[in-house]
């Protein structure tokens, strides 16, 4: 996870509504994938947010990390149990890593999904 009590989740701002593009489940917490124009995608703890709409998009899926190639590294290294989100996020470990690392081609896929929703 790489965070401590002093971790700042910039560019998040108080009082702003954010769309969520993925859910990441640990045994003790859930993170939201937030992505705003002009910034990089960010996994942020759900306790930083108030949920305004509790429905999930119909085009989402889930991956059990310990059983999926590539994603099992997330289970082994960070204790991430599962990820739910848009299909590219949960079907392509390369895409997951690419959006975290800022790979242009992978960010374009997330941006395209964002524009459709």
Protein backbone atom coordinates (compact mmCIF):
# COMPACT_ATOMS: atom_id res chain seq x y z
CA UNK A 1 0.00 0.00 0.00
CA UNK A 2 2.90 2.33 0.71
CA UNK A 3 0.95 4.80 2.85
CA UNK A 4 1.32 6.05 6.38
CA UNK A 5 -0.57 8.54 8.59
CA UNK A 6 1.05 11.45 6.78
CA UNK A 7 0.20 10.34 3.24
CA UNK A 8 -1.55 13.09 1.28
CA UNK A 9 -4.04 12.03 -1.35
CA UNK A 10 -3.57 14.93 -3.71
CA UNK A 11 -5.17 16.12 -5.96
CA UNK A 12 -8.33 15.21 -3.98
CA UNK A 13 -10.27 18.19 -2.68
CA UNK A 14 -12.86 18.37 0.08
CA UNK A 15 -16.42 18.99 -1.06
CA UNK A 16 -15.87 17.75 -4.63
CA UNK A 17 -17.88 14.86 -6.11
CA UNK A 18 -15.76 12.16 -7.74
CA UNK A 19 -16.75 9.28 -9.99
CA UNK A 20 -15.34 5.90 -9.02
CA UNK A 21 -13.89 3.66 -11.73
CA UNK A 22 -12.84 0.72 -9.59
CA UNK A 23 -13.03 -0.83 -6.14
CA UNK A 24 -10.05 -2.53 -4.52
CA UNK A 25 -10.72 -4.81 -1.57
CA UNK A 26 -8.20 -5.53 1.18
CA UNK A 27 -9.14 -7.54 4.26
CA UNK A 28 -9.41 -4.36 6.35
CA UNK A 29 -10.32 -1.61 3.87
CA UNK A 30 -11.68 -0.72 0.46
CA UNK A 31 -10.08 1.75 -1.96
CA UNK A 32 -11.74 3.68 -4.78
CA UNK A 33 -10.13 4.34 -8.16
CA UNK A 34 -10.56 8.05 -8.84
CA UNK A 35 -9.64 9.68 -12.14
CA UNK A 36 -10.11 13.33 -13.03
CA UNK A 37 -9.11 15.14 -16.20
CA UNK A 38 -5.61 16.59 -15.87
CA UNK A 39 -4.42 14.17 -13.18
CA UNK A 40 -3.35 10.55 -12.90
CA UNK A 41 -5.62 7.78 -11.62
CA UNK A 42 -5.43 7.38 -7.87
CA UNK A 43 -6.48 4.58 -5.53
CA UNK A 44 -7.76 6.30 -2.37
CA UNK A 45 -9.20 4.84 0.85
CA UNK A 46 -13.00 4.80 0.82
CA UNK A 47 -13.18 6.33 4.30
CA UNK A 48 -12.18 9.67 2.73
CA UNK A 49 -15.51 9.83 0.89
CA UNK A 50 -19.23 9.98 1.44
CA UNK A 51 -21.11 7.71 -0.96
CA UNK A 52 -23.82 9.60 -2.87
CA UNK A 53 -24.82 6.83 -5.32
CA UNK A 54 -24.46 3.22 -4.19
CA UNK A 55 -25.24 1.56 -7.52
CA UNK A 56 -22.63 -0.25 -9.60
CA UNK A 57 -22.43 0.13 -13.38
CA UNK A 58 -23.83 -2.82 -15.33
CA UNK A 59 -20.64 -3.13 -17.38
CA UNK A 60 -18.34 -3.82 -14.42
CA UNK A 61 -16.81 -7.12 -13.36
CA UNK A 62 -14.56 -8.48 -10.61
CA UNK A 63 -11.29 -10.35 -10.41
CA UNK A 64 -10.19 -12.51 -7.47
CA UNK A 65 -6.53 -11.51 -7.35
CA UNK A 66 -4.98 -14.65 -5.84
CA UNK A 67 -6.41 -16.75 -8.69
CA UNK A 68 -5.63 -14.51 -11.66
CA UNK A 69 -2.40 -14.33 -13.61
CA UNK A 70 -0.53 -11.10 -12.91
CA UNK A 71 -3.06 -9.92 -10.34
CA UNK A 72 -1.82 -12.60 -7.93
CA UNK A 73 1.20 -10.34 -7.34
CA UNK A 74 -1.18 -7.82 -5.77
CA UNK A 75 -2.48 -10.49 -3.42
CA UNK A 76 0.98 -11.78 -2.51
CA UNK A 77 2.64 -8.36 -2.11
CA UNK A 78 -0.15 -6.15 -0.74
CA UNK A 79 -2.94 -8.42 0.47
CA UNK A 80 -5.40 -7.16 -2.16
CA UNK A 81 -8.20 -9.74 -2.30
CA UNK A 82 -10.16 -8.53 -5.30
CA UNK A 83 -10.75 -5.66 -7.70
CA UNK A 84 -14.06 -4.67 -9.25
CA UNK A 85 -14.36 -2.16 -12.04
CA UNK A 86 -14.66 -1.58 -15.77
CA UNK A 87 -13.73 -4.65 -17.77
CA UNK A 88 -10.31 -3.52 -19.02
CA UNK A 89 -9.24 -2.90 -15.41
CA UNK A 90 -10.14 -6.39 -14.27
CA UNK A 91 -9.21 -8.35 -17.38
CA UNK A 92 -5.82 -6.87 -18.22
CA UNK A 93 -3.11 -6.73 -15.58
CA UNK A 94 -1.05 -4.77 -18.10
CA UNK A 95 -3.79 -2.12 -18.14
CA UNK A 96 -3.96 -2.05 -14.33
CA UNK A 97 -0.20 -1.46 -14.08
CA UNK A 98 -0.23 0.96 -17.00
CA UNK A 99 -2.76 3.35 -15.47
CA UNK A 100 -0.86 3.35 -12.17
CA UNK A 101 2.44 4.03 -13.94
CA UNK A 102 0.94 6.62 -16.31
CA UNK A 103 1.37 4.75 -19.61
CA UNK A 104 -0.28 6.91 -22.29
CA UNK A 105 -1.93 4.05 -24.18
CA UNK A 106 -3.49 2.65 -21.00
CA UNK A 107 -4.58 6.08 -19.76
CA UNK A 108 -6.30 6.61 -23.12
CA UNK A 109 -8.37 3.46 -22.52
CA UNK A 110 -9.45 4.71 -19.09
CA UNK A 111 -10.20 8.15 -20.54
CA UNK A 112 -12.34 6.57 -23.28
CA UNK A 113 -14.31 4.61 -20.65
CA UNK A 114 -14.71 7.80 -18.60
CA UNK A 115 -16.14 9.67 -21.59
CA UNK A 116 -18.71 6.92 -22.22
CA UNK A 117 -20.02 7.18 -18.66
